[in-house]
Amino acid sequence: MTYKDALIMLAVAMVVMAAALIAAATAYLARRAAASYPVALSRAAAAFAATLMVAASVTTALAALGG
């Protein structure tokens, strides 16, 4: 494994961890707002997916700028 491969793996792990933390925070805040468990879970799933989508969009934009 090259240095570049290790860096990519680390970046992917960090993005997935950030998305999971954002999803957990979203679920917690939804429960604090008196949402039911299914509603809180669906909001958390939407936040997780949105975080990954934003990360993919930023990566695509940076790749396009980089050449």
PDB file of N, CA and C in Angstrom:
ATOM      1  N   MET A   1       0.848  -1.175   0.000  1.00  0.00           N
ATOM      2  CA  MET A   1       0.000   0.000   0.000  1.00  0.00           C
ATOM      3  C   MET A   1       0.892   1.236   0.000  1.00  0.00           C
ATOM      4  N   THR A   2       0.582   2.130  -0.902  1.00  0.00           N
ATOM      5  CA  THR A   2       1.375   3.348  -0.997  1.00  0.00           C
ATOM      6  C   THR A   2       0.874   4.394   0.002  1.00  0.00           C
ATOM      7  N   TYR A   3       1.628   5.447   0.089  1.00  0.00           N
ATOM      8  CA  TYR A   3       1.274   6.543   0.980  1.00  0.00           C
ATOM      9  C   TYR A   3      -0.046   7.182   0.553  1.00  0.00           C
ATOM     10  N   LYS A   4      -0.242   7.290  -0.759  1.00  0.00           N
ATOM     11  CA  LYS A   4      -1.476   7.894  -1.272  1.00  0.00           C
ATOM     12  C   LYS A   4      -2.685   7.032  -0.935  1.00  0.00           C
ATOM     13  N   ASP A   5      -2.551   5.716  -1.045  1.00  0.00           N
ATOM     14  CA  ASP A   5      -3.652   4.813  -0.701  1.00  0.00           C
ATOM     15  C   ASP A   5      -4.012   4.914   0.778  1.00  0.00           C
ATOM     16  N   ALA A   6      -3.002   4.988   1.629  1.00  0.00           N
ATOM     17  CA  ALA A   6      -3.245   5.109   3.065  1.00  0.00           C
ATOM     18  C   ALA A   6      -3.937   6.427   3.393  1.00  0.00           C
ATOM     19  N   LEU A   7      -3.561   7.482   2.707  1.00  0.00           N
ATOM     20  CA  LEU A   7      -4.175   8.786   2.937  1.00  0.00           C
ATOM     21  C   LEU A   7      -5.640   8.787   2.501  1.00  0.00           C
ATOM     22  N   ILE A   8      -5.931   8.141   1.384  1.00  0.00           N
ATOM     23  CA  ILE A   8      -7.313   8.046   0.911  1.00  0.00           C
ATOM     24  C   ILE A   8      -8.147   7.236   1.893  1.00  0.00           C
ATOM     25  N   MET A   9      -7.607   6.122   2.382  1.00  0.00           N
ATOM     26  CA  MET A   9      -8.343   5.296   3.346  1.00  0.00           C
ATOM     27  C   MET A   9      -8.616   6.074   4.634  1.00  0.00           C
ATOM     28  N   LEU A  10      -7.651   6.843   5.094  1.00  0.00           N
ATOM     29  CA  LEU A  10      -7.830   7.653   6.295  1.00  0.00           C
ATOM     30  C   LEU A  10      -8.894   8.730   6.079  1.00  0.00           C
ATOM     31  N   ALA A  11      -8.887   9.358   4.916  1.00  0.00           N
ATOM     32  CA  ALA A  11      -9.888  10.392   4.625  1.00  0.00           C
ATOM     33  C   ALA A  11     -11.291   9.790   4.567  1.00  0.00           C
ATOM     34  N   VAL A  12     -11.421   8.631   3.957  1.00  0.00           N
ATOM     35  CA  VAL A  12     -12.734   7.973   3.889  1.00  0.00           C
ATOM     36  C   VAL A  12     -13.217   7.603   5.288  1.00  0.00           C
ATOM     37  N   ALA A  13     -12.316   7.083   6.107  1.00  0.00           N
ATOM     38  CA  ALA A  13     -12.695   6.724   7.479  1.00  0.00           C
ATOM     39  C   ALA A  13     -13.131   7.951   8.271  1.00  0.00           C
ATOM     40  N   MET A  14     -12.455   9.055   8.075  1.00  0.00           N
ATOM     41  CA  MET A  14     -12.818  10.277   8.799  1.00  0.00           C
ATOM     42  C   MET A  14     -14.168  10.813   8.343  1.00  0.00           C
ATOM     43  N   VAL A  15     -14.454  10.736   7.054  1.00  0.00           N
ATOM     44  CA  VAL A  15     -15.742  11.217   6.544  1.00  0.00           C
ATOM     45  C   VAL A  15     -16.884  10.348   7.061  1.00  0.00           C
ATOM     46  N   VAL A  16     -16.697   9.044   7.066  1.00  0.00           N
ATOM     47  CA  VAL A  16     -17.742   8.139   7.567  1.00  0.00           C
ATOM     48  C   VAL A  16     -17.951   8.359   9.065  1.00  0.00           C
ATOM     49  N   MET A  17     -16.875   8.573   9.810  1.00  0.00           N
ATOM     50  CA  MET A  17     -17.003   8.839  11.243  1.00  0.00           C
ATOM     51  C   MET A  17     -17.732  10.156  11.491  1.00  0.00           C
ATOM     52  N   ALA A  18     -17.415  11.173  10.714  1.00  0.00           N
ATOM     53  CA  ALA A  18     -18.113  12.453  10.863  1.00  0.00           C
ATOM     54  C   ALA A  18     -19.588  12.305  10.527  1.00  0.00           C
ATOM     55  N   ALA A  19     -19.896  11.550   9.482  1.00  0.00           N
ATOM     56  CA  ALA A  19     -21.292  11.339   9.115  1.00  0.00           C
ATOM     57  C   ALA A  19     -22.040  10.586  10.206  1.00  0.00           C
ATOM     58  N   ALA A  20     -21.392   9.607  10.817  1.00  0.00           N
ATOM     59  CA  ALA A  20     -22.030   8.857  11.897  1.00  0.00           C
ATOM     60  C   ALA A  20     -22.262   9.746  13.120  1.00  0.00           C
ATOM     61  N   LEU A  21     -21.312  10.605  13.436  1.00  0.00           N
ATOM     62  CA  LEU A  21     -21.486  11.519  14.570  1.00  0.00           C
ATOM     63  C   LEU A  21     -22.597  12.529  14.297  1.00  0.00           C
ATOM     64  N   ILE A  22     -22.674  13.019  13.087  1.00  0.00           N
ATOM     65  CA  ILE A  22     -23.738  13.959  12.740  1.00  0.00           C
ATOM     66  C   ILE A  22     -25.093  13.271  12.811  1.00  0.00           C
ATOM     67  N   ALA A  23     -25.161  12.025  12.352  1.00  0.00           N
ATOM     68  CA  ALA A  23     -26.419  11.271  12.428  1.00  0.00           C
ATOM     69  C   ALA A  23     -26.824  11.033  13.882  1.00  0.00           C
ATOM     70  N   ALA A  24     -25.861  10.702  14.726  1.00  0.00           N
ATOM     71  CA  ALA A  24     -26.171  10.480  16.139  1.00  0.00           C
ATOM     72  C   ALA A  24     -26.660  11.767  16.800  1.00  0.00           C
ATOM     73  N   ALA A  25     -26.030  12.879  16.477  1.00  0.00           N
ATOM     74  CA  ALA A  25     -26.461  14.163  17.041  1.00  0.00           C
ATOM     75  C   ALA A  25     -27.860  14.535  16.554  1.00  0.00           C
ATOM     76  N   THR A  26     -28.136  14.238  15.300  1.00  0.00           N
ATOM     77  CA  THR A  26     -29.466  14.523  14.755  1.00  0.00           C
ATOM     78  C   THR A  26     -30.533  13.686  15.450  1.00  0.00           C
ATOM     79  N   ALA A  27     -30.243  12.413  15.664  1.00  0.00           N
ATOM     80  CA  ALA A  27     -31.199  11.547  16.354  1.00  0.00           C
ATOM     81  C   ALA A  27     -31.412  12.023  17.792  1.00  0.00           C
ATOM     82  N   TYR A  28     -30.349  12.414  18.462  1.00  0.00           N
ATOM     83  CA  TYR A  28     -30.462  12.902  19.836  1.00  0.00           C
ATOM     84  C   TYR A  28     -31.331  14.156  19.902  1.00  0.00           C
ATOM     85  N   LEU A  29     -31.071  15.095  18.982  1.00  0.00           N
ATOM     86  CA  LEU A  29     -31.850  16.331  18.987  1.00  0.00           C
ATOM     87  C   LEU A  29     -33.307  16.079  18.617  1.00  0.00           C
ATOM     88  N   ALA A  30     -33.538  15.128  17.733  1.00  0.00           N
ATOM     89  CA  ALA A  30     -34.923  14.804  17.375  1.00  0.00           C
ATOM     90  C   ALA A  30     -35.656  14.200  18.570  1.00  0.00           C
ATOM     91  N   ARG A  31     -34.982  13.345  19.313  1.00  0.00           N
ATOM     92  CA  ARG A  31     -35.613  12.762  20.507  1.00  0.00           C
ATOM     93  C   ARG A  31     -35.849  13.829  21.565  1.00  0.00           C
ATOM     94  N   ARG A  32     -34.932  14.775  21.699  1.00  0.00           N
ATOM     95  CA  ARG A  32     -35.124  15.863  22.663  1.00  0.00           C
ATOM     96  C   ARG A  32     -36.316  16.737  22.276  1.00  0.00           C
ATOM     97  N   ALA A  33     -36.639  16.772  20.994  1.00  0.00           N
ATOM     98  CA  ALA A  33     -37.774  17.552  20.512  1.00  0.00           C
ATOM     99  C   ALA A  33     -39.054  16.725  20.530  1.00  0.00           C
ATOM    100  N   ALA A  34     -39.045  15.615  21.251  1.00  0.00           N
ATOM    101  CA  ALA A  34     -40.206  14.755  21.463  1.00  0.00           C
ATOM    102  C   ALA A  34     -40.645  14.010  20.208  1.00  0.00           C
ATOM    103  N   ALA A  35     -39.712  13.715  19.324  1.00  0.00           N
ATOM    104  CA  ALA A  35     -40.032  12.895  18.155  1.00  0.00           C
ATOM    105  C   ALA A  35     -40.015  11.427  18.565  1.00  0.00           C
ATOM    106  N   SER A  36     -40.785  10.618  17.880  1.00  0.00           N
ATOM    107  CA  SER A  36     -40.783   9.185  18.175  1.00  0.00           C
ATOM    108  C   SER A  36     -39.485   8.561  17.668  1.00  0.00           C
ATOM    109  N   TYR A  37     -39.216   7.325  18.103  1.00  0.00           N
ATOM    110  CA  TYR A  37     -37.994   6.647  17.675  1.00  0.00           C
ATOM    111  C   TYR A  37     -37.924   6.458  16.160  1.00  0.00           C
ATOM    112  N   PRO A  38     -39.006   6.035  15.485  1.00  0.00           N
ATOM    113  CA  PRO A  38     -38.908   5.909  14.028  1.00  0.00           C
ATOM    114  C   PRO A  38     -38.629   7.236  13.319  1.00  0.00           C
ATOM    115  N   VAL A  39     -39.219   8.306  13.800  1.00  0.00           N
ATOM    116  CA  VAL A  39     -38.974   9.620  13.194  1.00  0.00           C
ATOM    117  C   VAL A  39     -37.534  10.051  13.445  1.00  0.00           C
ATOM    118  N   ALA A  40     -37.042   9.846  14.653  1.00  0.00           N
ATOM    119  CA  ALA A  40     -35.658  10.210  14.967  1.00  0.00           C
ATOM    120  C   ALA A  40     -34.683   9.400  14.120  1.00  0.00           C
ATOM    121  N   LEU A  41     -34.980   8.121  13.922  1.00  0.00           N
ATOM    122  CA  LEU A  41     -34.113   7.275  13.109  1.00  0.00           C
ATOM    123  C   LEU A  41     -34.129   7.706  11.646  1.00  0.00           C
ATOM    124  N   SER A  42     -35.283   8.086  11.142  1.00  0.00           N
ATOM    125  CA  SER A  42     -35.345   8.526   9.751  1.00  0.00           C
ATOM    126  C   SER A  42     -34.619   9.856   9.566  1.00  0.00           C
ATOM    127  N   ARG A  43     -34.706  10.734  10.543  1.00  0.00           N
ATOM    128  CA  ARG A  43     -33.962  11.998  10.464  1.00  0.00           C
ATOM    129  C   ARG A  43     -32.460  11.745  10.526  1.00  0.00           C
ATOM    130  N   ALA A  44     -32.050  10.799  11.364  1.00  0.00           N
ATOM    131  CA  ALA A  44     -30.629  10.460  11.456  1.00  0.00           C
ATOM    132  C   ALA A  44     -30.129   9.863  10.147  1.00  0.00           C
ATOM    133  N   ALA A  45     -30.935   9.006   9.532  1.00  0.00           N
ATOM    134  CA  ALA A  45     -30.541   8.411   8.258  1.00  0.00           C
ATOM    135  C   ALA A  45     -30.424   9.471   7.171  1.00  0.00           C
ATOM    136  N   ALA A  46     -31.336  10.416   7.177  1.00  0.00           N
ATOM    137  CA  ALA A  46     -31.279  11.497   6.191  1.00  0.00           C
ATOM    138  C   ALA A  46     -30.038  12.368   6.404  1.00  0.00           C
ATOM    139  N   ALA A  47     -29.699  12.635   7.650  1.00  0.00           N
ATOM    140  CA  ALA A  47     -28.508  13.437   7.940  1.00  0.00           C
ATOM    141  C   ALA A  47     -27.235  12.689   7.534  1.00  0.00           C
ATOM    142  N   PHE A  48     -27.204  11.373   7.784  1.00  0.00           N
ATOM    143  CA  PHE A  48     -26.049  10.558   7.399  1.00  0.00           C
ATOM    144  C   PHE A  48     -25.874  10.589   5.885  1.00  0.00           C
ATOM    145  N   ALA A  49     -26.963  10.376   5.160  1.00  0.00           N
ATOM    146  CA  ALA A  49     -26.893  10.368   3.701  1.00  0.00           C
ATOM    147  C   ALA A  49     -26.511  11.744   3.152  1.00  0.00           C
ATOM    148  N   ALA A  50     -27.048  12.787   3.745  1.00  0.00           N
ATOM    149  CA  ALA A  50     -26.731  14.136   3.276  1.00  0.00           C
ATOM    150  C   ALA A  50     -25.260  14.472   3.519  1.00  0.00           C
ATOM    151  N   THR A  51     -24.719  14.044   4.646  1.00  0.00           N
ATOM    152  CA  THR A  51     -23.313  14.290   4.937  1.00  0.00           C
ATOM    153  C   THR A  51     -22.416  13.576   3.940  1.00  0.00           C
ATOM    154  N   LEU A  52     -22.737  12.323   3.632  1.00  0.00           N
ATOM    155  CA  LEU A  52     -21.941  11.601   2.648  1.00  0.00           C
ATOM    156  C   LEU A  52     -22.078  12.221   1.260  1.00  0.00           C
ATOM    157  N   MET A  53     -23.265  12.724   0.939  1.00  0.00           N
ATOM    158  CA  MET A  53     -23.463  13.345  -0.368  1.00  0.00           C
ATOM    159  C   MET A  53     -22.661  14.638  -0.487  1.00  0.00           C
ATOM    160  N   VAL A  54     -22.634  15.424   0.561  1.00  0.00           N
ATOM    161  CA  VAL A  54     -21.849  16.659   0.541  1.00  0.00           C
ATOM    162  C   VAL A  54     -20.365  16.331   0.422  1.00  0.00           C
ATOM    163  N   ALA A  55     -19.909  15.322   1.137  1.00  0.00           N
ATOM    164  CA  ALA A  55     -18.499  14.929   1.050  1.00  0.00           C
ATOM    165  C   ALA A  55     -18.151  14.447  -0.354  1.00  0.00           C
ATOM    166  N   ALA A  56     -19.049  13.694  -0.972  1.00  0.00           N
ATOM    167  CA  ALA A  56     -18.803  13.232  -2.338  1.00  0.00           C
ATOM    168  C   ALA A  56     -18.791  14.403  -3.317  1.00  0.00           C
ATOM    169  N   SER A  57     -19.664  15.364  -3.121  1.00  0.00           N
ATOM    170  CA  SER A  57     -19.697  16.535  -4.008  1.00  0.00           C
ATOM    171  C   SER A  57     -18.428  17.367  -3.878  1.00  0.00           C
ATOM    172  N   VAL A  58     -17.976  17.549  -2.666  1.00  0.00           N
ATOM    173  CA  VAL A  58     -16.734  18.304  -2.453  1.00  0.00           C
ATOM    174  C   VAL A  58     -15.556  17.568  -3.068  1.00  0.00           C
ATOM    175  N   THR A  59     -15.519  16.262  -2.914  1.00  0.00           N
ATOM    176  CA  THR A  59     -14.439  15.464  -3.502  1.00  0.00           C
ATOM    177  C   THR A  59     -14.463  15.558  -5.024  1.00  0.00           C
ATOM    178  N   THR A  60     -15.642  15.495  -5.612  1.00  0.00           N
ATOM    179  CA  THR A  60     -15.754  15.600  -7.064  1.00  0.00           C
ATOM    180  C   THR A  60     -15.303  16.981  -7.545  1.00  0.00           C
ATOM    181  N   ALA A  61     -15.688  18.010  -6.834  1.00  0.00           N
ATOM    182  CA  ALA A  61     -15.290  19.362  -7.214  1.00  0.00           C
ATOM    183  C   ALA A  61     -13.784  19.538  -7.104  1.00  0.00           C
ATOM    184  N   LEU A  62     -13.196  19.019  -6.045  1.00  0.00           N
ATOM    185  CA  LEU A  62     -11.737  19.132  -5.888  1.00  0.00           C
ATOM    186  C   LEU A  62     -10.998  18.325  -6.947  1.00  0.00           C
ATOM    187  N   ALA A  63     -11.543  17.162  -7.303  1.00  0.00           N
ATOM    188  CA  ALA A  63     -10.912  16.355  -8.341  1.00  0.00           C
ATOM    189  C   ALA A  63     -10.992  17.052  -9.695  1.00  0.00           C
ATOM    190  N   ALA A  64     -12.097  17.732  -9.958  1.00  0.00           N
ATOM    191  CA  ALA A  64     -12.238  18.452 -11.224  1.00  0.00           C
ATOM    192  C   ALA A  64     -11.291  19.650 -11.280  1.00  0.00           C
ATOM    193  N   LEU A  65     -11.104  20.315 -10.168  1.00  0.00           N
ATOM    194  CA  LEU A  65     -10.182  21.450 -10.139  1.00  0.00           C
ATOM    195  C   LEU A  65      -8.734  21.010 -10.239  1.00  0.00           C
ATOM    196  N   GLY A  66      -8.461  19.836  -9.672  1.00  0.00           N
ATOM    197  CA  GLY A  66      -7.079  19.352  -9.657  1.00  0.00           C
ATOM    198  C   GLY A  66      -6.584  18.835 -10.986  1.00  0.00           C
ATOM    199  N   GLY A  67      -7.462  18.566 -11.879  1.00  0.00           N
ATOM    200  CA  GLY A  67      -6.990  18.141 -13.179  1.00  0.00           C
ATOM    201  C   GLY A  67      -7.487  16.830 -13.527  1.00  0.00           C
TER     202      GLY A  67
END
